[in-house]
Amino acid sequence: MGIAEFIGARLDEDENYARAALAEASTGKAIRVVDGKLAIMPSAASDMLTFHIVRHDPHRVLAEVRTWRAILAAQPPAEEVRNGFGLALGYILQTKAREYSDHPDWRHDGCWDG
């Protein structure tokens, strides 16, 4: 598995969880969808976990997934990475991949295929 495939698979997971959260938000007691965004209900105003959840609103997660998919699409094949852009993008992908270092598919040796 290459680093782009690893990140792409994690983005798929993030997207699926965000879409599921949107589908379930209307049934929750502490969090509701108001004007298309998640909102904290007054009864949960002091719950910091709820604030954190709202901060990672599914719409925001989906926007981030779209952004990273565009970045992944710009990655040249490994054999063509000879210029500054390709090297910089490789560094960016390595850095992004670290967000998922707790995932079972994470390459602790840092040696990604492709």
C-alpha atoms as a PDB file:
ATOM      1  CA  MET A   1       0.000   0.000   0.000  1.00  0.00           C
ATOM      2  CA  GLY A   2       1.334   3.423  -0.939  1.00  0.00           C
ATOM      3  CA  ILE A   3       1.006   6.513   1.204  1.00  0.00           C
ATOM      4  CA  ALA A   4      -1.656   7.975  -1.099  1.00  0.00           C
ATOM      5  CA  GLU A   5      -3.733   4.792  -0.817  1.00  0.00           C
ATOM      6  CA  PHE A   6      -3.277   4.797   2.971  1.00  0.00           C
ATOM      7  CA  ILE A   7      -4.445   8.410   3.283  1.00  0.00           C
ATOM      8  CA  GLY A   8      -7.266   7.801   0.782  1.00  0.00           C
ATOM      9  CA  ALA A   9      -8.556   4.887   2.853  1.00  0.00           C
ATOM     10  CA  ARG A  10      -8.464   7.000   6.031  1.00  0.00           C
ATOM     11  CA  LEU A  11     -10.338   9.772   4.197  1.00  0.00           C
ATOM     12  CA  ASP A  12     -12.969   7.196   3.189  1.00  0.00           C
ATOM     13  CA  GLU A  13     -13.367   6.293   6.872  1.00  0.00           C
ATOM     14  CA  ASP A  14     -13.580   9.962   7.926  1.00  0.00           C
ATOM     15  CA  GLU A  15     -16.146  10.638   5.222  1.00  0.00           C
ATOM     16  CA  ASN A  16     -18.283   7.648   6.212  1.00  0.00           C
ATOM     17  CA  TYR A  17     -18.259   8.633   9.889  1.00  0.00           C
ATOM     18  CA  ALA A  18     -19.108  12.245   9.054  1.00  0.00           C
ATOM     19  CA  ARG A  19     -22.013  11.214   6.834  1.00  0.00           C
ATOM     20  CA  ALA A  20     -23.282   8.840   9.521  1.00  0.00           C
ATOM     21  CA  ALA A  21     -23.030  11.642  12.097  1.00  0.00           C
ATOM     22  CA  LEU A  22     -25.077  13.931   9.866  1.00  0.00           C
ATOM     23  CA  ALA A  23     -27.717  11.239   9.469  1.00  0.00           C
ATOM     24  CA  GLU A  24     -27.939  10.705  13.227  1.00  0.00           C
ATOM     25  CA  ALA A  25     -27.602  14.327  14.379  1.00  0.00           C
ATOM     26  CA  SER A  26     -31.328  14.999  14.176  1.00  0.00           C
ATOM     27  CA  THR A  27     -32.037  12.210  16.682  1.00  0.00           C
ATOM     28  CA  GLY A  28     -29.522  13.313  19.362  1.00  0.00           C
ATOM     29  CA  LYS A  29     -30.539  15.176  22.497  1.00  0.00           C
ATOM     30  CA  ALA A  30     -27.460  17.365  22.977  1.00  0.00           C
ATOM     31  CA  ILE A  31     -26.677  18.116  19.343  1.00  0.00           C
ATOM     32  CA  ARG A  32     -29.078  19.169  16.615  1.00  0.00           C
ATOM     33  CA  VAL A  33     -28.803  20.276  12.995  1.00  0.00           C
ATOM     34  CA  VAL A  34     -29.791  23.955  12.807  1.00  0.00           C
ATOM     35  CA  ASP A  35     -29.619  25.729   9.445  1.00  0.00           C
ATOM     36  CA  GLY A  36     -27.575  22.852   8.063  1.00  0.00           C
ATOM     37  CA  LYS A  37     -24.930  22.977  10.834  1.00  0.00           C
ATOM     38  CA  LEU A  38     -24.516  21.179  14.117  1.00  0.00           C
ATOM     39  CA  ALA A  39     -25.572  23.191  17.160  1.00  0.00           C
ATOM     40  CA  ILE A  40     -25.299  22.575  20.898  1.00  0.00           C
ATOM     41  CA  MET A  41     -28.598  22.480  22.741  1.00  0.00           C
ATOM     42  CA  PRO A  42     -28.758  24.573  25.950  1.00  0.00           C
ATOM     43  CA  SER A  43     -28.921  21.497  28.192  1.00  0.00           C
ATOM     44  CA  ALA A  44     -25.451  20.500  27.010  1.00  0.00           C
ATOM     45  CA  ALA A  45     -23.844  23.954  27.023  1.00  0.00           C
ATOM     46  CA  SER A  46     -21.268  23.045  29.677  1.00  0.00           C
ATOM     47  CA  ASP A  47     -20.255  19.739  28.096  1.00  0.00           C
ATOM     48  CA  MET A  48     -16.767  20.283  26.618  1.00  0.00           C
ATOM     49  CA  LEU A  49     -16.948  16.991  24.733  1.00  0.00           C
ATOM     50  CA  THR A  50     -20.053  18.286  22.984  1.00  0.00           C
ATOM     51  CA  PHE A  51     -18.228  21.501  22.051  1.00  0.00           C
ATOM     52  CA  HIS A  52     -15.418  19.394  20.619  1.00  0.00           C
ATOM     53  CA  ILE A  53     -17.847  17.275  18.619  1.00  0.00           C
ATOM     54  CA  VAL A  54     -19.548  20.369  17.197  1.00  0.00           C
ATOM     55  CA  ARG A  55     -16.140  21.857  16.324  1.00  0.00           C
ATOM     56  CA  HIS A  56     -15.603  18.810  14.120  1.00  0.00           C
ATOM     57  CA  ASP A  57     -18.902  19.273  12.376  1.00  0.00           C
ATOM     58  CA  PRO A  58     -19.479  16.631   9.670  1.00  0.00           C
ATOM     59  CA  HIS A  59     -19.737  19.365   7.020  1.00  0.00           C
ATOM     60  CA  ARG A  60     -16.269  20.589   7.984  1.00  0.00           C
ATOM     61  CA  VAL A  61     -14.897  17.037   7.910  1.00  0.00           C
ATOM     62  CA  LEU A  62     -16.397  16.474   4.460  1.00  0.00           C
ATOM     63  CA  ALA A  63     -14.826  19.724   3.198  1.00  0.00           C
ATOM     64  CA  GLU A  64     -11.460  18.577   4.535  1.00  0.00           C
ATOM     65  CA  VAL A  65     -11.901  15.176   2.857  1.00  0.00           C
ATOM     66  CA  ARG A  66     -12.542  16.930  -0.484  1.00  0.00           C
ATOM     67  CA  THR A  67      -9.447  19.098   0.001  1.00  0.00           C
ATOM     68  CA  TRP A  68      -7.182  16.143   0.748  1.00  0.00           C
ATOM     69  CA  ARG A  69      -8.573  14.135  -2.173  1.00  0.00           C
ATOM     70  CA  ALA A  70      -7.589  17.046  -4.468  1.00  0.00           C
ATOM     71  CA  ILE A  71      -4.100  17.058  -2.946  1.00  0.00           C
ATOM     72  CA  LEU A  72      -3.788  13.284  -3.417  1.00  0.00           C
ATOM     73  CA  ALA A  73      -4.882  13.632  -7.041  1.00  0.00           C
ATOM     74  CA  ALA A  74      -1.968  16.027  -7.627  1.00  0.00           C
ATOM     75  CA  GLN A  75       0.622  13.477  -6.504  1.00  0.00           C
ATOM     76  CA  PRO A  76       2.870  12.446  -9.398  1.00  0.00           C
ATOM     77  CA  PRO A  77       3.931   8.793  -9.745  1.00  0.00           C
ATOM     78  CA  ALA A  78       6.896   7.967  -7.475  1.00  0.00           C
ATOM     79  CA  GLU A  79       9.280   7.551 -10.414  1.00  0.00           C
ATOM     80  CA  GLU A  80       8.483  11.120 -11.544  1.00  0.00           C
ATOM     81  CA  VAL A  81       9.173  12.803  -8.193  1.00  0.00           C
ATOM     82  CA  ARG A  82      12.340  14.651  -9.083  1.00  0.00           C
ATOM     83  CA  ASN A  83      11.380  18.295  -8.705  1.00  0.00           C
ATOM     84  CA  GLY A  84      10.695  20.513  -5.708  1.00  0.00           C
ATOM     85  CA  PHE A  85       6.914  20.201  -6.062  1.00  0.00           C
ATOM     86  CA  GLY A  86       6.995  16.415  -5.942  1.00  0.00           C
ATOM     87  CA  LEU A  87       9.391  16.354  -2.993  1.00  0.00           C
ATOM     88  CA  ALA A  88       7.337  18.937  -1.091  1.00  0.00           C
ATOM     89  CA  LEU A  89       4.112  17.052  -1.777  1.00  0.00           C
ATOM     90  CA  GLY A  90       5.746  13.838  -0.551  1.00  0.00           C
ATOM     91  CA  TYR A  91       6.667  15.581   2.704  1.00  0.00           C
ATOM     92  CA  ILE A  92       3.117  16.922   3.062  1.00  0.00           C
ATOM     93  CA  LEU A  93       1.665  13.435   2.551  1.00  0.00           C
ATOM     94  CA  GLN A  94       4.078  11.905   5.072  1.00  0.00           C
ATOM     95  CA  THR A  95       3.025  14.576   7.574  1.00  0.00           C
ATOM     96  CA  LYS A  96      -0.702  14.062   6.883  1.00  0.00           C
ATOM     97  CA  ALA A  97      -0.339  10.296   7.193  1.00  0.00           C
ATOM     98  CA  ARG A  98       1.025  10.703  10.732  1.00  0.00           C
ATOM     99  CA  GLU A  99      -2.470  11.786  11.828  1.00  0.00           C
ATOM    100  CA  TYR A 100      -3.455   8.164  11.345  1.00  0.00           C
ATOM    101  CA  SER A 101      -0.452   6.579  13.077  1.00  0.00           C
ATOM    102  CA  ASP A 102      -2.769   4.686  15.443  1.00  0.00           C
ATOM    103  CA  HIS A 103      -4.373   2.839  12.499  1.00  0.00           C
ATOM    104  CA  PRO A 104      -3.404  -0.846  11.971  1.00  0.00           C
ATOM    105  CA  ASP A 105      -2.318  -0.124   8.363  1.00  0.00           C
ATOM    106  CA  TRP A 106       0.181   2.540   9.485  1.00  0.00           C
ATOM    107  CA  ARG A 107       3.735   1.845   8.274  1.00  0.00           C
ATOM    108  CA  HIS A 108       5.900   2.379  11.361  1.00  0.00           C
ATOM    109  CA  ASP A 109       9.019   1.993   9.214  1.00  0.00           C
ATOM    110  CA  GLY A 110       7.900   4.877   6.974  1.00  0.00           C
ATOM    111  CA  CYS A 111       8.485   2.787   3.835  1.00  0.00           C
ATOM    112  CA  TRP A 112       5.394   3.210   1.677  1.00  0.00           C
ATOM    113  CA  ASP A 113       4.952   1.441  -1.639  1.00  0.00           C
ATOM    114  CA  GLY A 114       4.752   3.687  -4.675  1.00  0.00           C
END
